[in-house]
Amino acid sequence: PEAADYATFMKRFRQFTAPFLDVWSYSLLSNHTHHVSNIKSVEAIGDYIGQLTETAPTIAIKSFLADPKNEGVFDSMIERKMNSMLVSYANYYNNKYLRKGGIFQKPFRRTEIHDGPYLQQAIIYVNTNAQKHHLIHDFKDYPYSSYKATTGNDCRHIDAEAVLRFFGGIEKFISLHKSQVSYYYSRGWPSSK
């Protein structure tokens, strides 16, 4: 992929998910992506959906409106939005490069994170993923992850302020990334499975 393809991916990701998710970390690679996101409150999502026209809501959104506290309906709605975004991007990519078929290694999946240490580790793992896959020598130089955006407090694609607050400031954010990479690099990277 070219730089424009990564930019298009992020633009479409934001377009499809911003009403539902706050992104805390991302890494875009040629055959897969990673995102750590915080799902917005039921109230915030309900407010957004309330602004849609009658023809805009999908079946999943209509089900959510009928029963907003039903986690299964909520999960289905989020998964449909992600699927729509991935199909939209695949169509863009396939049309641009005159190809057909899927472009990602595996289908969309998500894991719920319940505690702070795991969230911290997940953010670091995602920000350093390009180095894990030997695409770059130093993760800080990879242009398609959220590390630079976070350290530059660039909030176009991520909630950098919330991430830095969670880590206890930019100095801790940087030092924890450095220490985790140093530790795991000397012992082999943790499995992504």
N, C-alpha and C. Protein backbone atom coordinates (compact mmCIF):
# COMPACT_ATOMS: atom_id res chain seq x y z
N PRO A 1 0.81 -1.21 0.00
CA PRO A 1 0.00 0.00 0.00
C PRO A 1 0.86 1.27 0.00
N GLU A 2 0.31 2.28 -0.58
CA GLU A 2 0.97 3.58 -0.62
C GLU A 2 0.48 4.43 0.55
N ALA A 3 1.16 5.54 0.79
CA ALA A 3 0.77 6.44 1.88
C ALA A 3 -0.69 6.88 1.74
N ALA A 4 -1.13 7.12 0.51
CA ALA A 4 -2.51 7.54 0.29
C ALA A 4 -3.50 6.45 0.72
N ASP A 5 -3.10 5.18 0.58
CA ASP A 5 -3.98 4.07 0.98
C ASP A 5 -4.15 4.04 2.50
N TYR A 6 -3.07 4.26 3.22
CA TYR A 6 -3.16 4.31 4.68
C TYR A 6 -4.02 5.49 5.12
N ALA A 7 -3.85 6.62 4.45
CA ALA A 7 -4.66 7.81 4.78
C ALA A 7 -6.14 7.54 4.50
N THR A 8 -6.43 6.88 3.41
CA THR A 8 -7.82 6.54 3.08
C THR A 8 -8.39 5.57 4.11
N PHE A 9 -7.58 4.61 4.53
CA PHE A 9 -8.05 3.67 5.56
C PHE A 9 -8.45 4.43 6.82
N MET A 10 -7.58 5.31 7.29
CA MET A 10 -7.87 6.05 8.52
C MET A 10 -9.07 6.98 8.35
N LYS A 11 -9.20 7.58 7.19
CA LYS A 11 -10.35 8.45 6.94
C LYS A 11 -11.64 7.63 7.00
N ARG A 12 -11.65 6.47 6.37
CA ARG A 12 -12.85 5.64 6.39
C ARG A 12 -13.10 5.04 7.77
N PHE A 13 -12.04 4.66 8.46
CA PHE A 13 -12.20 4.13 9.81
C PHE A 13 -12.90 5.18 10.68
N ARG A 14 -12.42 6.39 10.59
CA ARG A 14 -13.00 7.49 11.38
C ARG A 14 -14.45 7.74 10.96
N GLN A 15 -14.70 7.77 9.66
CA GLN A 15 -16.04 8.04 9.13
C GLN A 15 -17.04 7.01 9.67
N PHE A 16 -16.67 5.74 9.68
CA PHE A 16 -17.60 4.69 10.07
C PHE A 16 -17.68 4.47 11.58
N THR A 17 -16.61 4.77 12.31
CA THR A 17 -16.58 4.38 13.73
C THR A 17 -16.60 5.53 14.72
N ALA A 18 -16.30 6.76 14.31
CA ALA A 18 -16.20 7.88 15.25
C ALA A 18 -17.44 8.07 16.12
N PRO A 19 -18.64 7.84 15.60
CA PRO A 19 -19.81 8.01 16.48
C PRO A 19 -19.90 6.94 17.59
N PHE A 20 -19.13 5.86 17.44
CA PHE A 20 -19.25 4.73 18.35
C PHE A 20 -17.99 4.47 19.18
N LEU A 21 -16.83 4.86 18.65
CA LEU A 21 -15.56 4.50 19.29
C LEU A 21 -14.64 5.71 19.47
N ASP A 22 -13.87 5.70 20.55
CA ASP A 22 -12.73 6.60 20.72
C ASP A 22 -11.49 5.73 20.56
N VAL A 23 -10.65 6.04 19.59
CA VAL A 23 -9.46 5.23 19.32
C VAL A 23 -8.34 5.67 20.26
N TRP A 24 -7.72 4.69 20.90
CA TRP A 24 -6.61 4.95 21.83
C TRP A 24 -5.28 4.51 21.24
N SER A 25 -5.29 3.64 20.26
CA SER A 25 -4.05 3.18 19.64
C SER A 25 -4.39 2.50 18.32
N TYR A 26 -3.50 2.64 17.34
CA TYR A 26 -3.68 1.92 16.09
C TYR A 26 -2.33 1.65 15.44
N SER A 27 -2.31 0.63 14.61
CA SER A 27 -1.16 0.32 13.78
C SER A 27 -1.68 -0.27 12.49
N LEU A 28 -1.27 0.30 11.38
CA LEU A 28 -1.71 -0.16 10.06
C LEU A 28 -0.54 -0.84 9.37
N LEU A 29 -0.72 -2.11 9.05
CA LEU A 29 0.29 -2.85 8.32
C LEU A 29 -0.31 -3.25 6.98
N SER A 30 0.49 -3.82 6.10
CA SER A 30 -0.01 -4.09 4.75
C SER A 30 -1.09 -5.17 4.71
N ASN A 31 -1.07 -6.12 5.66
CA ASN A 31 -2.05 -7.20 5.61
C ASN A 31 -2.95 -7.31 6.84
N HIS A 32 -2.77 -6.44 7.81
CA HIS A 32 -3.67 -6.41 8.96
C HIS A 32 -3.50 -5.10 9.72
N THR A 33 -4.46 -4.83 10.58
CA THR A 33 -4.40 -3.63 11.40
C THR A 33 -4.72 -4.00 12.84
N HIS A 34 -4.30 -3.16 13.75
CA HIS A 34 -4.65 -3.30 15.16
C HIS A 34 -5.20 -1.96 15.62
N HIS A 35 -6.23 -2.02 16.48
CA HIS A 35 -6.81 -0.82 17.06
C HIS A 35 -7.17 -1.12 18.50
N VAL A 36 -6.86 -0.20 19.39
CA VAL A 36 -7.37 -0.26 20.75
C VAL A 36 -8.34 0.90 20.85
N SER A 37 -9.59 0.56 21.12
CA SER A 37 -10.65 1.57 21.12
C SER A 37 -11.49 1.47 22.37
N ASN A 38 -12.03 2.60 22.75
CA ASN A 38 -12.96 2.67 23.87
C ASN A 38 -14.35 2.90 23.28
N ILE A 39 -15.28 2.00 23.56
CA ILE A 39 -16.63 2.18 23.05
C ILE A 39 -17.28 3.31 23.83
N LYS A 40 -17.91 4.21 23.10
CA LYS A 40 -18.57 5.35 23.73
C LYS A 40 -19.77 4.87 24.55
N SER A 41 -20.25 5.73 25.39
CA SER A 41 -21.37 5.38 26.26
C SER A 41 -22.64 5.13 25.44
N VAL A 42 -23.52 4.36 26.00
CA VAL A 42 -24.81 4.09 25.37
C VAL A 42 -25.53 5.41 25.11
N GLU A 43 -25.42 6.35 26.04
CA GLU A 43 -26.08 7.64 25.89
C GLU A 43 -25.51 8.42 24.70
N ALA A 44 -24.19 8.45 24.57
CA ALA A 44 -23.55 9.18 23.46
C ALA A 44 -23.93 8.56 22.13
N ILE A 45 -23.95 7.24 22.07
CA ILE A 45 -24.32 6.56 20.83
C ILE A 45 -25.80 6.81 20.52
N GLY A 46 -26.63 6.75 21.55
CA GLY A 46 -28.05 7.03 21.37
C GLY A 46 -28.29 8.44 20.85
N ASP A 47 -27.53 9.41 21.37
CA ASP A 47 -27.65 10.80 20.89
C ASP A 47 -27.29 10.89 19.41
N TYR A 48 -26.21 10.22 19.02
CA TYR A 48 -25.80 10.23 17.61
C TYR A 48 -26.88 9.61 16.73
N ILE A 49 -27.37 8.45 17.14
CA ILE A 49 -28.38 7.75 16.35
C ILE A 49 -29.65 8.59 16.24
N GLY A 50 -29.98 9.30 17.29
CA GLY A 50 -31.15 10.16 17.27
C GLY A 50 -31.08 11.27 16.23
N GLN A 51 -29.86 11.61 15.79
CA GLN A 51 -29.67 12.66 14.79
C GLN A 51 -29.78 12.13 13.36
N LEU A 52 -29.80 10.79 13.20
CA LEU A 52 -29.87 10.21 11.86
C LEU A 52 -31.27 10.38 11.28
N THR A 53 -31.33 10.40 9.97
CA THR A 53 -32.64 10.47 9.31
C THR A 53 -33.30 9.09 9.39
N GLU A 54 -34.56 9.04 9.10
CA GLU A 54 -35.32 7.78 9.17
C GLU A 54 -34.72 6.71 8.27
N THR A 55 -34.18 7.09 7.12
CA THR A 55 -33.67 6.09 6.17
C THR A 55 -32.27 5.63 6.50
N ALA A 56 -31.53 6.34 7.33
CA ALA A 56 -30.13 6.01 7.61
C ALA A 56 -29.92 4.81 8.54
N PRO A 57 -30.74 4.60 9.58
CA PRO A 57 -30.43 3.52 10.52
C PRO A 57 -30.48 2.12 9.90
N THR A 58 -29.50 1.32 10.22
CA THR A 58 -29.46 -0.07 9.78
C THR A 58 -30.34 -0.92 10.68
N ILE A 59 -30.49 -2.17 10.34
CA ILE A 59 -31.26 -3.10 11.18
C ILE A 59 -30.63 -3.18 12.56
N ALA A 60 -29.28 -3.24 12.61
CA ALA A 60 -28.59 -3.31 13.90
C ALA A 60 -28.85 -2.06 14.74
N ILE A 61 -28.86 -0.90 14.11
CA ILE A 61 -29.11 0.35 14.84
C ILE A 61 -30.56 0.38 15.33
N LYS A 62 -31.48 -0.05 14.48
CA LYS A 62 -32.88 -0.10 14.91
C LYS A 62 -33.06 -1.04 16.09
N SER A 63 -32.35 -2.17 16.07
CA SER A 63 -32.42 -3.11 17.20
C SER A 63 -31.85 -2.47 18.45
N PHE A 64 -30.78 -1.71 18.30
CA PHE A 64 -30.19 -1.01 19.43
C PHE A 64 -31.17 0.00 20.02
N LEU A 65 -31.83 0.74 19.17
CA LEU A 65 -32.80 1.74 19.64
C LEU A 65 -33.95 1.08 20.41
N ALA A 66 -34.33 -0.11 19.97
CA ALA A 66 -35.42 -0.82 20.63
C ALA A 66 -35.00 -1.38 21.99
N ASP A 67 -33.69 -1.71 22.13
CA ASP A 67 -33.21 -2.32 23.38
C ASP A 67 -31.75 -1.92 23.61
N PRO A 68 -31.47 -0.66 24.00
CA PRO A 68 -30.09 -0.16 24.11
C PRO A 68 -29.25 -0.84 25.18
N LYS A 69 -29.84 -1.51 26.13
CA LYS A 69 -29.06 -2.15 27.19
C LYS A 69 -28.70 -3.60 26.85
N ASN A 70 -29.18 -4.11 25.73
CA ASN A 70 -28.91 -5.48 25.30
C ASN A 70 -27.50 -5.54 24.71
N GLU A 71 -26.57 -6.19 25.42
CA GLU A 71 -25.18 -6.23 24.98
C GLU A 71 -25.01 -6.95 23.65
N GLY A 72 -25.80 -7.98 23.40
CA GLY A 72 -25.72 -8.70 22.13
C GLY A 72 -26.07 -7.81 20.96
N VAL A 73 -27.10 -7.00 21.11
CA VAL A 73 -27.51 -6.06 20.07
C VAL A 73 -26.42 -5.01 19.88
N PHE A 74 -25.88 -4.51 20.99
CA PHE A 74 -24.82 -3.51 20.96
C PHE A 74 -23.59 -4.06 20.22
N ASP A 75 -23.18 -5.29 20.59
CA ASP A 75 -22.03 -5.92 19.93
C ASP A 75 -22.27 -6.07 18.43
N SER A 76 -23.47 -6.49 18.07
CA SER A 76 -23.81 -6.68 16.66
C SER A 76 -23.71 -5.36 15.90
N MET A 77 -24.18 -4.29 16.51
CA MET A 77 -24.13 -2.98 15.87
C MET A 77 -22.68 -2.55 15.63
N ILE A 78 -21.83 -2.72 16.63
CA ILE A 78 -20.41 -2.34 16.49
C ILE A 78 -19.75 -3.20 15.41
N GLU A 79 -20.01 -4.49 15.42
CA GLU A 79 -19.41 -5.38 14.42
C GLU A 79 -19.90 -5.04 13.02
N ARG A 80 -21.15 -4.66 12.87
CA ARG A 80 -21.66 -4.27 11.55
C ARG A 80 -20.97 -3.00 11.05
N LYS A 81 -20.75 -2.04 11.95
CA LYS A 81 -20.06 -0.82 11.55
C LYS A 81 -18.63 -1.13 11.10
N MET A 82 -17.95 -2.01 11.84
CA MET A 82 -16.58 -2.38 11.45
C MET A 82 -16.59 -3.12 10.12
N ASN A 83 -17.53 -4.04 9.94
CA ASN A 83 -17.61 -4.78 8.69
C ASN A 83 -17.88 -3.83 7.52
N SER A 84 -18.78 -2.88 7.72
CA SER A 84 -19.07 -1.90 6.66
C SER A 84 -17.83 -1.10 6.29
N MET A 85 -17.06 -0.71 7.30
CA MET A 85 -15.84 0.04 7.04
C MET A 85 -14.83 -0.81 6.26
N LEU A 86 -14.65 -2.07 6.67
CA LEU A 86 -13.69 -2.94 5.99
C LEU A 86 -14.11 -3.23 4.55
N VAL A 87 -15.39 -3.43 4.31
CA VAL A 87 -15.89 -3.65 2.95
C VAL A 87 -15.68 -2.38 2.12
N SER A 88 -15.96 -1.23 2.70
CA SER A 88 -15.77 0.04 2.00
C SER A 88 -14.30 0.21 1.59
N TYR A 89 -13.40 -0.07 2.52
CA TYR A 89 -11.98 0.09 2.21
C TYR A 89 -11.53 -0.95 1.18
N ALA A 90 -11.99 -2.19 1.30
CA ALA A 90 -11.62 -3.24 0.34
C ALA A 90 -12.09 -2.85 -1.06
N ASN A 91 -13.28 -2.29 -1.18
CA ASN A 91 -13.78 -1.83 -2.48
C ASN A 91 -12.89 -0.73 -3.06
N TYR A 92 -12.52 0.23 -2.21
CA TYR A 92 -11.61 1.30 -2.65
C TYR A 92 -10.30 0.70 -3.16
N TYR A 93 -9.71 -0.18 -2.35
CA TYR A 93 -8.40 -0.76 -2.66
C TYR A 93 -8.46 -1.62 -3.93
N ASN A 94 -9.48 -2.47 -4.01
CA ASN A 94 -9.61 -3.35 -5.16
C ASN A 94 -9.85 -2.56 -6.45
N ASN A 95 -10.66 -1.52 -6.38
CA ASN A 95 -10.89 -0.68 -7.56
C ASN A 95 -9.62 0.05 -7.97
N LYS A 96 -8.89 0.56 -7.00
CA LYS A 96 -7.65 1.30 -7.30
C LYS A 96 -6.61 0.41 -7.95
N TYR A 97 -6.47 -0.82 -7.45
CA TYR A 97 -5.42 -1.72 -7.93
C TYR A 97 -5.93 -2.80 -8.89
N LEU A 98 -7.17 -2.63 -9.35
CA LEU A 98 -7.78 -3.55 -10.32
C LEU A 98 -7.63 -5.01 -9.88
N ARG A 99 -8.08 -5.28 -8.67
CA ARG A 99 -8.01 -6.62 -8.13
C ARG A 99 -9.34 -6.98 -7.50
N LYS A 100 -9.45 -8.23 -7.05
CA LYS A 100 -10.68 -8.71 -6.41
C LYS A 100 -10.32 -9.47 -5.14
N GLY A 101 -11.30 -9.59 -4.26
CA GLY A 101 -11.12 -10.42 -3.07
C GLY A 101 -10.77 -9.64 -1.83
N GLY A 102 -10.59 -10.40 -0.75
CA GLY A 102 -10.25 -9.81 0.53
C GLY A 102 -8.84 -9.26 0.54
N ILE A 103 -8.61 -8.30 1.42
CA ILE A 103 -7.27 -7.71 1.49
C ILE A 103 -6.65 -7.85 2.87
N PHE A 104 -7.42 -8.35 3.84
CA PHE A 104 -6.89 -8.49 5.19
C PHE A 104 -6.63 -9.95 5.50
N GLN A 105 -5.65 -10.17 6.38
CA GLN A 105 -5.20 -11.50 6.73
C GLN A 105 -6.29 -12.32 7.41
N LYS A 106 -6.99 -11.73 8.36
CA LYS A 106 -8.00 -12.44 9.13
C LYS A 106 -9.24 -11.56 9.23
N PRO A 107 -10.39 -12.17 9.52
CA PRO A 107 -11.59 -11.35 9.68
C PRO A 107 -11.51 -10.52 10.97
N PHE A 108 -12.37 -9.52 11.03
CA PHE A 108 -12.44 -8.65 12.19
C PHE A 108 -12.74 -9.46 13.45
N ARG A 109 -12.03 -9.15 14.50
CA ARG A 109 -12.35 -9.71 15.82
C ARG A 109 -11.98 -8.68 16.86
N ARG A 110 -12.59 -8.81 18.01
CA ARG A 110 -12.28 -7.88 19.08
C ARG A 110 -12.22 -8.61 20.41
N THR A 111 -11.48 -8.03 21.31
CA THR A 111 -11.31 -8.56 22.66
C THR A 111 -11.61 -7.44 23.64
N GLU A 112 -12.43 -7.74 24.61
CA GLU A 112 -12.76 -6.74 25.63
C GLU A 112 -11.63 -6.69 26.65
N ILE A 113 -11.23 -5.48 27.00
CA ILE A 113 -10.16 -5.28 27.98
C ILE A 113 -10.80 -4.73 29.25
N HIS A 114 -10.55 -5.43 30.36
CA HIS A 114 -11.21 -5.07 31.62
C HIS A 114 -10.32 -4.35 32.62
N ASP A 115 -8.99 -4.43 32.45
CA ASP A 115 -8.15 -3.83 33.50
C ASP A 115 -7.06 -2.95 32.91
N GLY A 116 -6.57 -2.04 33.77
CA GLY A 116 -5.58 -1.05 33.36
C GLY A 116 -4.27 -1.62 32.85
N PRO A 117 -3.66 -2.59 33.56
CA PRO A 117 -2.39 -3.13 33.06
C PRO A 117 -2.51 -3.78 31.68
N TYR A 118 -3.59 -4.50 31.44
CA TYR A 118 -3.78 -5.13 30.13
C TYR A 118 -4.01 -4.07 29.06
N LEU A 119 -4.76 -3.03 29.38
CA LEU A 119 -4.98 -1.93 28.44
C LEU A 119 -3.65 -1.27 28.10
N GLN A 120 -2.85 -1.02 29.11
CA GLN A 120 -1.53 -0.40 28.89
C GLN A 120 -0.68 -1.27 27.97
N GLN A 121 -0.65 -2.56 28.24
CA GLN A 121 0.14 -3.49 27.42
C GLN A 121 -0.40 -3.54 26.00
N ALA A 122 -1.71 -3.53 25.84
CA ALA A 122 -2.31 -3.58 24.51
C ALA A 122 -1.94 -2.35 23.69
N ILE A 123 -1.99 -1.19 24.30
CA ILE A 123 -1.63 0.05 23.60
C ILE A 123 -0.17 0.01 23.15
N ILE A 124 0.70 -0.41 24.04
CA ILE A 124 2.12 -0.51 23.69
C ILE A 124 2.34 -1.53 22.58
N TYR A 125 1.70 -2.69 22.71
CA TYR A 125 1.82 -3.74 21.69
C TYR A 125 1.40 -3.22 20.31
N VAL A 126 0.27 -2.52 20.26
CA VAL A 126 -0.22 -2.00 18.98
C VAL A 126 0.74 -0.95 18.43
N ASN A 127 1.20 -0.03 19.26
CA ASN A 127 2.10 1.03 18.78
C ASN A 127 3.43 0.49 18.29
N THR A 128 3.85 -0.65 18.79
CA THR A 128 5.17 -1.21 18.43
C THR A 128 5.06 -2.38 17.46
N ASN A 129 3.88 -2.64 16.95
CA ASN A 129 3.63 -3.83 16.13
C ASN A 129 4.48 -3.88 14.86
N ALA A 130 4.74 -2.75 14.25
CA ALA A 130 5.57 -2.75 13.02
C ALA A 130 6.98 -3.23 13.31
N GLN A 131 7.51 -2.89 14.47
CA GLN A 131 8.85 -3.37 14.84
C GLN A 131 8.80 -4.87 15.12
N LYS A 132 7.75 -5.35 15.75
CA LYS A 132 7.58 -6.78 16.02
C LYS A 132 7.65 -7.57 14.72
N HIS A 133 7.02 -7.04 13.68
CA HIS A 133 6.97 -7.72 12.38
C HIS A 133 8.18 -7.38 11.50
N HIS A 134 9.18 -6.72 12.06
CA HIS A 134 10.43 -6.38 11.38
C HIS A 134 10.22 -5.50 10.14
N LEU A 135 9.21 -4.64 10.20
CA LEU A 135 8.98 -3.71 9.11
C LEU A 135 9.83 -2.45 9.27
N ILE A 136 10.29 -2.24 10.50
CA ILE A 136 11.07 -1.05 10.80
C ILE A 136 11.96 -1.38 12.00
N HIS A 137 13.11 -0.74 12.07
CA HIS A 137 14.04 -1.01 13.17
C HIS A 137 13.56 -0.41 14.49
N ASP A 138 12.97 0.78 14.41
CA ASP A 138 12.51 1.48 15.61
C ASP A 138 11.06 1.90 15.44
N PHE A 139 10.17 1.36 16.27
CA PHE A 139 8.74 1.63 16.16
C PHE A 139 8.42 3.12 16.15
N LYS A 140 9.25 3.94 16.79
CA LYS A 140 8.98 5.38 16.86
C LYS A 140 9.01 6.03 15.48
N ASP A 141 9.65 5.38 14.51
CA ASP A 141 9.77 5.93 13.17
C ASP A 141 8.67 5.46 12.21
N TYR A 142 7.82 4.54 12.68
CA TYR A 142 6.79 4.00 11.78
C TYR A 142 5.67 5.03 11.61
N PRO A 143 5.40 5.43 10.37
CA PRO A 143 4.44 6.52 10.16
C PRO A 143 2.97 6.13 10.27
N TYR A 144 2.68 4.82 10.34
CA TYR A 144 1.28 4.39 10.32
C TYR A 144 0.83 3.75 11.63
N SER A 145 1.36 4.27 12.71
CA SER A 145 0.87 3.87 14.04
C SER A 145 0.53 5.15 14.81
N SER A 146 -0.10 4.97 15.94
CA SER A 146 -0.54 6.12 16.71
C SER A 146 0.53 6.68 17.64
N TYR A 147 1.71 6.09 17.66
CA TYR A 147 2.73 6.54 18.61
C TYR A 147 3.07 8.03 18.39
N LYS A 148 3.39 8.39 17.16
CA LYS A 148 3.75 9.79 16.87
C LYS A 148 2.58 10.73 17.14
N ALA A 149 1.38 10.30 16.79
CA ALA A 149 0.20 11.14 17.02
C ALA A 149 0.01 11.37 18.51
N THR A 150 0.24 10.34 19.31
CA THR A 150 0.06 10.48 20.76
C THR A 150 1.13 11.39 21.34
N THR A 151 2.38 11.18 20.98
CA THR A 151 3.45 12.01 21.54
C THR A 151 3.37 13.45 21.03
N GLY A 152 2.75 13.65 19.88
CA GLY A 152 2.56 15.00 19.34
C GLY A 152 1.20 15.58 19.71
N ASN A 153 0.43 14.84 20.53
CA ASN A 153 -0.91 15.25 20.96
C ASN A 153 -1.79 15.62 19.76
N ASP A 154 -1.68 14.79 18.71
CA ASP A 154 -2.46 14.96 17.49
C ASP A 154 -3.75 14.15 17.64
N CYS A 155 -4.86 14.83 17.75
CA CYS A 155 -6.14 14.17 18.05
C CYS A 155 -7.01 13.92 16.82
N ARG A 156 -6.43 13.96 15.62
CA ARG A 156 -7.25 13.73 14.42
C ARG A 156 -7.82 12.32 14.38
N HIS A 157 -7.01 11.32 14.74
CA HIS A 157 -7.45 9.93 14.64
C HIS A 157 -7.51 9.22 15.98
N ILE A 158 -6.98 9.81 17.01
CA ILE A 158 -6.98 9.16 18.33
C ILE A 158 -7.33 10.16 19.42
N ASP A 159 -7.70 9.62 20.55
CA ASP A 159 -7.96 10.46 21.72
C ASP A 159 -6.66 10.56 22.53
N ALA A 160 -5.72 11.33 21.97
CA ALA A 160 -4.37 11.42 22.56
C ALA A 160 -4.41 11.92 24.00
N GLU A 161 -5.26 12.87 24.29
CA GLU A 161 -5.33 13.41 25.66
C GLU A 161 -5.73 12.33 26.65
N ALA A 162 -6.72 11.50 26.30
CA ALA A 162 -7.15 10.43 27.20
C ALA A 162 -6.05 9.39 27.38
N VAL A 163 -5.34 9.08 26.32
CA VAL A 163 -4.25 8.09 26.40
C VAL A 163 -3.15 8.61 27.31
N LEU A 164 -2.74 9.84 27.11
CA LEU A 164 -1.67 10.40 27.95
C LEU A 164 -2.11 10.51 29.41
N ARG A 165 -3.35 10.85 29.64
CA ARG A 165 -3.89 10.90 31.00
C ARG A 165 -3.85 9.50 31.63
N PHE A 166 -4.26 8.49 30.86
CA PHE A 166 -4.25 7.10 31.34
C PHE A 166 -2.83 6.66 31.72
N PHE A 167 -1.83 7.03 30.91
CA PHE A 167 -0.45 6.65 31.18
C PHE A 167 0.20 7.50 32.27
N GLY A 168 -0.42 8.60 32.64
CA GLY A 168 0.16 9.47 33.64
C GLY A 168 1.08 10.52 33.06
N GLY A 169 0.89 10.85 31.79
CA GLY A 169 1.68 11.89 31.15
C GLY A 169 2.54 11.36 30.03
N ILE A 170 3.07 12.29 29.24
CA ILE A 170 3.84 11.91 28.06
C ILE A 170 5.16 11.22 28.43
N GLU A 171 5.79 11.68 29.52
CA GLU A 171 7.07 11.07 29.91
C GLU A 171 6.88 9.60 30.25
N LYS A 172 5.83 9.26 30.99
CA LYS A 172 5.56 7.86 31.33
C LYS A 172 5.17 7.07 30.09
N PHE A 173 4.40 7.68 29.21
CA PHE A 173 4.01 7.03 27.96
C PHE A 173 5.26 6.61 27.18
N ILE A 174 6.19 7.53 27.02
CA ILE A 174 7.42 7.26 26.27
C ILE A 174 8.29 6.23 26.99
N SER A 175 8.49 6.41 28.29
CA SER A 175 9.39 5.50 29.02
C SER A 175 8.83 4.08 29.10
N LEU A 176 7.51 3.94 29.26
CA LEU A 176 6.93 2.59 29.29
C LEU A 176 7.02 1.90 27.94
N HIS A 177 6.85 2.64 26.86
CA HIS A 177 7.05 2.05 25.54
C HIS A 177 8.49 1.58 25.38
N LYS A 178 9.42 2.43 25.77
CA LYS A 178 10.84 2.10 25.63
C LYS A 178 11.21 0.87 26.47
N SER A 179 10.76 0.83 27.72
CA SER A 179 11.12 -0.30 28.59
C SER A 179 10.45 -1.60 28.15
N GLN A 180 9.20 -1.52 27.70
CA GLN A 180 8.52 -2.74 27.23
C GLN A 180 9.17 -3.29 25.97
N VAL A 181 9.50 -2.42 25.03
CA VAL A 181 10.15 -2.86 23.80
C VAL A 181 11.51 -3.46 24.12
N SER A 182 12.27 -2.81 24.98
CA SER A 182 13.58 -3.32 25.37
C SER A 182 13.46 -4.70 26.02
N TYR A 183 12.50 -4.86 26.91
CA TYR A 183 12.30 -6.13 27.60
C TYR A 183 11.90 -7.24 26.63
N TYR A 184 10.86 -6.99 25.82
CA TYR A 184 10.37 -8.03 24.93
C TYR A 184 11.31 -8.30 23.77
N TYR A 185 12.02 -7.27 23.30
CA TYR A 185 12.93 -7.49 22.19
C TYR A 185 14.05 -8.44 22.58
N SER A 186 14.50 -8.36 23.79
CA SER A 186 15.59 -9.25 24.23
C SER A 186 15.10 -10.67 24.51
N ARG A 187 13.80 -10.88 24.65
CA ARG A 187 13.24 -12.21 24.98
C ARG A 187 12.34 -12.78 23.88
N GLY A 188 12.18 -12.08 22.80
CA GLY A 188 11.23 -12.49 21.77
C GLY A 188 9.89 -11.83 22.06
N TRP A 189 9.23 -11.39 21.04
CA TRP A 189 7.96 -10.66 21.17
C TRP A 189 6.87 -11.56 21.69
N PRO A 190 5.92 -11.00 22.42
CA PRO A 190 4.77 -11.81 22.84
C PRO A 190 3.93 -12.22 21.64
N SER A 191 3.28 -13.33 21.75
CA SER A 191 2.43 -13.80 20.68
C SER A 191 1.27 -12.84 20.47
N SER A 192 0.84 -12.71 19.23
CA SER A 192 -0.30 -11.84 18.93
C SER A 192 -1.59 -12.65 18.91
N LYS A 193 -1.53 -13.90 19.28
CA LYS A 193 -2.74 -14.74 19.28
C LYS A 193 -3.38 -14.74 20.62
